[in-house]
Amino acid sequence: MKATGKRYPMKSDIRERDDRFVLEIDLPGFDKENIKAYIQNGYLIVSALRERGKEKENHKWIRQERYYGNYQRSFYIGTDISEEDLKATYRFGVLKIQIPKKAKKTEQHQGKIQIA
């Protein structure tokens, strides 16, 4: 994960269910519109952008701990899964993606996963 010289750990949990895996990634403070998820060469790639608000006043930073910029993380899920097989939601700062264990073999697309 690279973020303009700073590191933001996209902390995640992966749980196994009978028919699927559930991936949860903490993304507090991100707008849903700035979160993207897609599959490329068997990897589920999640990227997020956090923009800094425009400052109207001149000031000197004393301490700055919040991260801004582009962040990305990838997870290998295999080539038998397509974007249509995945279900994603973003609520209360947590991105949740459900990945089926077995999916029908389909033509690989370079589209995006719809986040509800």
C-alpha atoms as a PDB file:
ATOM      1  CA  MET A   1       0.000   0.000   0.000  1.00  0.00           C
ATOM      2  CA  LYS A   2       1.435   3.302  -0.994  1.00  0.00           C
ATOM      3  CA  ALA A   3       0.016   6.655  -0.085  1.00  0.00           C
ATOM      4  CA  THR A   4       2.157   9.556  -1.175  1.00  0.00           C
ATOM      5  CA  GLY A   5       5.019   8.663   1.133  1.00  0.00           C
ATOM      6  CA  LYS A   6       2.809   7.716   4.087  1.00  0.00           C
ATOM      7  CA  ARG A   7       1.451   4.325   5.059  1.00  0.00           C
ATOM      8  CA  TYR A   8      -2.164   3.750   5.992  1.00  0.00           C
ATOM      9  CA  PRO A   9      -2.798   0.161   6.980  1.00  0.00           C
ATOM     10  CA  MET A  10      -6.042  -1.004   5.393  1.00  0.00           C
ATOM     11  CA  LYS A  11      -6.681  -3.403   8.241  1.00  0.00           C
ATOM     12  CA  SER A  12      -8.757  -6.357   7.219  1.00  0.00           C
ATOM     13  CA  ASP A  13     -10.385  -9.519   8.502  1.00  0.00           C
ATOM     14  CA  ILE A  14     -11.265 -12.541   6.382  1.00  0.00           C
ATOM     15  CA  ARG A  15     -13.803 -15.061   7.640  1.00  0.00           C
ATOM     16  CA  GLU A  16     -14.775 -18.357   6.065  1.00  0.00           C
ATOM     17  CA  ARG A  17     -18.388 -19.428   5.806  1.00  0.00           C
ATOM     18  CA  ASP A  18     -19.824 -22.612   4.277  1.00  0.00           C
ATOM     19  CA  ASP A  19     -20.359 -21.086   0.835  1.00  0.00           C
ATOM     20  CA  ARG A  20     -18.239 -17.915   0.842  1.00  0.00           C
ATOM     21  CA  PHE A  21     -15.456 -15.840   2.321  1.00  0.00           C
ATOM     22  CA  VAL A  22     -16.254 -12.510   3.951  1.00  0.00           C
ATOM     23  CA  LEU A  23     -13.616  -9.782   3.691  1.00  0.00           C
ATOM     24  CA  GLU A  24     -14.003  -6.737   5.937  1.00  0.00           C
ATOM     25  CA  ILE A  25     -11.704  -3.729   5.569  1.00  0.00           C
ATOM     26  CA  ASP A  26     -11.658  -0.774   7.955  1.00  0.00           C
ATOM     27  CA  LEU A  27     -11.915   2.464   5.972  1.00  0.00           C
ATOM     28  CA  PRO A  28     -13.119   5.058   8.478  1.00  0.00           C
ATOM     29  CA  GLY A  29     -13.483   8.586   7.181  1.00  0.00           C
ATOM     30  CA  PHE A  30     -13.602   7.626   3.497  1.00  0.00           C
ATOM     31  CA  ASP A  31     -16.488   8.675   1.264  1.00  0.00           C
ATOM     32  CA  LYS A  32     -18.157   5.705  -0.422  1.00  0.00           C
ATOM     33  CA  GLU A  33     -17.736   7.431  -3.792  1.00  0.00           C
ATOM     34  CA  ASN A  34     -13.943   7.369  -3.281  1.00  0.00           C
ATOM     35  CA  ILE A  35     -13.734   3.598  -2.702  1.00  0.00           C
ATOM     36  CA  LYS A  36     -13.181   1.329  -5.691  1.00  0.00           C
ATOM     37  CA  ALA A  37     -12.995  -2.464  -5.898  1.00  0.00           C
ATOM     38  CA  TYR A  38     -12.248  -4.530  -8.983  1.00  0.00           C
ATOM     39  CA  ILE A  39     -10.677  -7.796 -10.112  1.00  0.00           C
ATOM     40  CA  GLN A  40      -7.520  -7.921 -12.192  1.00  0.00           C
ATOM     41  CA  ASN A  41      -5.566 -11.090 -13.060  1.00  0.00           C
ATOM     42  CA  GLY A  42      -7.118 -13.052 -10.186  1.00  0.00           C
ATOM     43  CA  TYR A  43      -6.573 -10.302  -7.603  1.00  0.00           C
ATOM     44  CA  LEU A  44      -9.307  -8.392  -5.831  1.00  0.00           C
ATOM     45  CA  ILE A  45      -7.962  -4.839  -5.673  1.00  0.00           C
ATOM     46  CA  VAL A  46      -9.424  -2.321  -3.256  1.00  0.00           C
ATOM     47  CA  SER A  47      -8.409   1.324  -3.507  1.00  0.00           C
ATOM     48  CA  ALA A  48      -9.569   4.342  -1.564  1.00  0.00           C
ATOM     49  CA  LEU A  49      -8.950   8.064  -1.737  1.00  0.00           C
ATOM     50  CA  ARG A  50      -9.140  10.429   1.197  1.00  0.00           C
ATOM     51  CA  GLU A  51      -8.878  14.053   0.228  1.00  0.00           C
ATOM     52  CA  ARG A  52      -7.814  16.832   2.524  1.00  0.00           C
ATOM     53  CA  GLY A  53     -10.371  19.598   2.907  1.00  0.00           C
ATOM     54  CA  LYS A  54      -9.373  22.947   1.498  1.00  0.00           C
ATOM     55  CA  GLU A  55      -8.036  25.218   4.211  1.00  0.00           C
ATOM     56  CA  LYS A  56      -9.225  28.811   4.180  1.00  0.00           C
ATOM     57  CA  GLU A  57      -6.894  30.105   6.853  1.00  0.00           C
ATOM     58  CA  ASN A  58      -3.130  30.282   7.001  1.00  0.00           C
ATOM     59  CA  HIS A  59      -1.865  28.210   9.899  1.00  0.00           C
ATOM     60  CA  LYS A  60       1.074  26.153  11.022  1.00  0.00           C
ATOM     61  CA  TRP A  61       0.567  22.459  11.730  1.00  0.00           C
ATOM     62  CA  ILE A  62       1.652  21.433  15.216  1.00  0.00           C
ATOM     63  CA  ARG A  63       0.740  17.784  14.739  1.00  0.00           C
ATOM     64  CA  GLN A  64      -0.864  15.907  11.876  1.00  0.00           C
ATOM     65  CA  GLU A  65      -1.692  12.216  12.341  1.00  0.00           C
ATOM     66  CA  ARG A  66      -4.538  11.693   9.882  1.00  0.00           C
ATOM     67  CA  TYR A  67      -3.579  10.313   6.487  1.00  0.00           C
ATOM     68  CA  TYR A  68      -4.669  11.663   3.122  1.00  0.00           C
ATOM     69  CA  GLY A  69      -4.076  10.355  -0.355  1.00  0.00           C
ATOM     70  CA  ASN A  70      -4.593   7.171  -2.380  1.00  0.00           C
ATOM     71  CA  TYR A  71      -4.426   3.783  -0.707  1.00  0.00           C
ATOM     72  CA  GLN A  72      -4.552   0.327  -2.264  1.00  0.00           C
ATOM     73  CA  ARG A  73      -4.517  -3.283  -1.177  1.00  0.00           C
ATOM     74  CA  SER A  74      -4.897  -6.520  -3.117  1.00  0.00           C
ATOM     75  CA  PHE A  75      -6.050 -10.032  -2.236  1.00  0.00           C
ATOM     76  CA  TYR A  76      -5.606 -13.089  -4.454  1.00  0.00           C
ATOM     77  CA  ILE A  77      -9.012 -14.706  -5.056  1.00  0.00           C
ATOM     78  CA  GLY A  78      -8.308 -16.788  -8.169  1.00  0.00           C
ATOM     79  CA  THR A  79      -9.401 -16.509 -11.757  1.00  0.00           C
ATOM     80  CA  ASP A  80     -12.782 -18.258 -11.439  1.00  0.00           C
ATOM     81  CA  ILE A  81     -14.411 -15.260  -9.722  1.00  0.00           C
ATOM     82  CA  SER A  82     -15.822 -12.248 -11.592  1.00  0.00           C
ATOM     83  CA  GLU A  83     -17.108  -8.880 -10.411  1.00  0.00           C
ATOM     84  CA  GLU A  84     -20.688 -10.100 -10.827  1.00  0.00           C
ATOM     85  CA  ASP A  85     -20.050 -12.874  -8.264  1.00  0.00           C
ATOM     86  CA  LEU A  86     -19.086 -10.453  -5.485  1.00  0.00           C
ATOM     87  CA  LYS A  87     -21.350  -8.480  -3.175  1.00  0.00           C
ATOM     88  CA  ALA A  88     -19.991  -5.371  -1.463  1.00  0.00           C
ATOM     89  CA  THR A  89     -21.384  -2.960   1.123  1.00  0.00           C
ATOM     90  CA  TYR A  90     -19.886   0.019   2.953  1.00  0.00           C
ATOM     91  CA  ARG A  91     -21.398   0.978   6.296  1.00  0.00           C
ATOM     92  CA  PHE A  92     -20.018   2.736   9.357  1.00  0.00           C
ATOM     93  CA  GLY A  93     -16.495   2.899   7.916  1.00  0.00           C
ATOM     94  CA  VAL A  94     -16.254  -0.809   7.074  1.00  0.00           C
ATOM     95  CA  LEU A  95     -16.146  -2.202   3.531  1.00  0.00           C
ATOM     96  CA  LYS A  96     -17.570  -5.730   3.460  1.00  0.00           C
ATOM     97  CA  ILE A  97     -17.075  -7.922   0.391  1.00  0.00           C
ATOM     98  CA  GLN A  98     -18.597 -11.382   0.101  1.00  0.00           C
ATOM     99  CA  ILE A  99     -16.638 -13.748  -2.141  1.00  0.00           C
ATOM    100  CA  PRO A 100     -18.243 -17.058  -3.158  1.00  0.00           C
ATOM    101  CA  LYS A 101     -16.096 -20.170  -2.761  1.00  0.00           C
ATOM    102  CA  LYS A 102     -17.041 -21.516  -6.168  1.00  0.00           C
ATOM    103  CA  ALA A 103     -18.281 -19.476  -9.058  1.00  0.00           C
ATOM    104  CA  LYS A 104     -19.108 -20.320 -12.622  1.00  0.00           C
ATOM    105  CA  LYS A 105     -16.195 -19.874 -14.982  1.00  0.00           C
ATOM    106  CA  THR A 106     -16.922 -16.701 -16.936  1.00  0.00           C
ATOM    107  CA  GLU A 107     -15.032 -14.395 -19.187  1.00  0.00           C
ATOM    108  CA  GLN A 108     -12.839 -12.095 -17.083  1.00  0.00           C
ATOM    109  CA  HIS A 109     -13.984  -8.480 -17.146  1.00  0.00           C
ATOM    110  CA  GLN A 110     -12.112  -5.323 -16.255  1.00  0.00           C
ATOM    111  CA  GLY A 111     -15.185  -3.693 -14.695  1.00  0.00           C
ATOM    112  CA  LYS A 112     -15.871  -2.453 -11.204  1.00  0.00           C
ATOM    113  CA  ILE A 113     -17.681  -4.000  -8.281  1.00  0.00           C
ATOM    114  CA  GLN A 114     -20.821  -2.141  -7.253  1.00  0.00           C
ATOM    115  CA  ILE A 115     -20.603  -1.028  -3.591  1.00  0.00           C
ATOM    116  CA  ALA A 116     -23.997  -0.684  -1.913  1.00  0.00           C
END
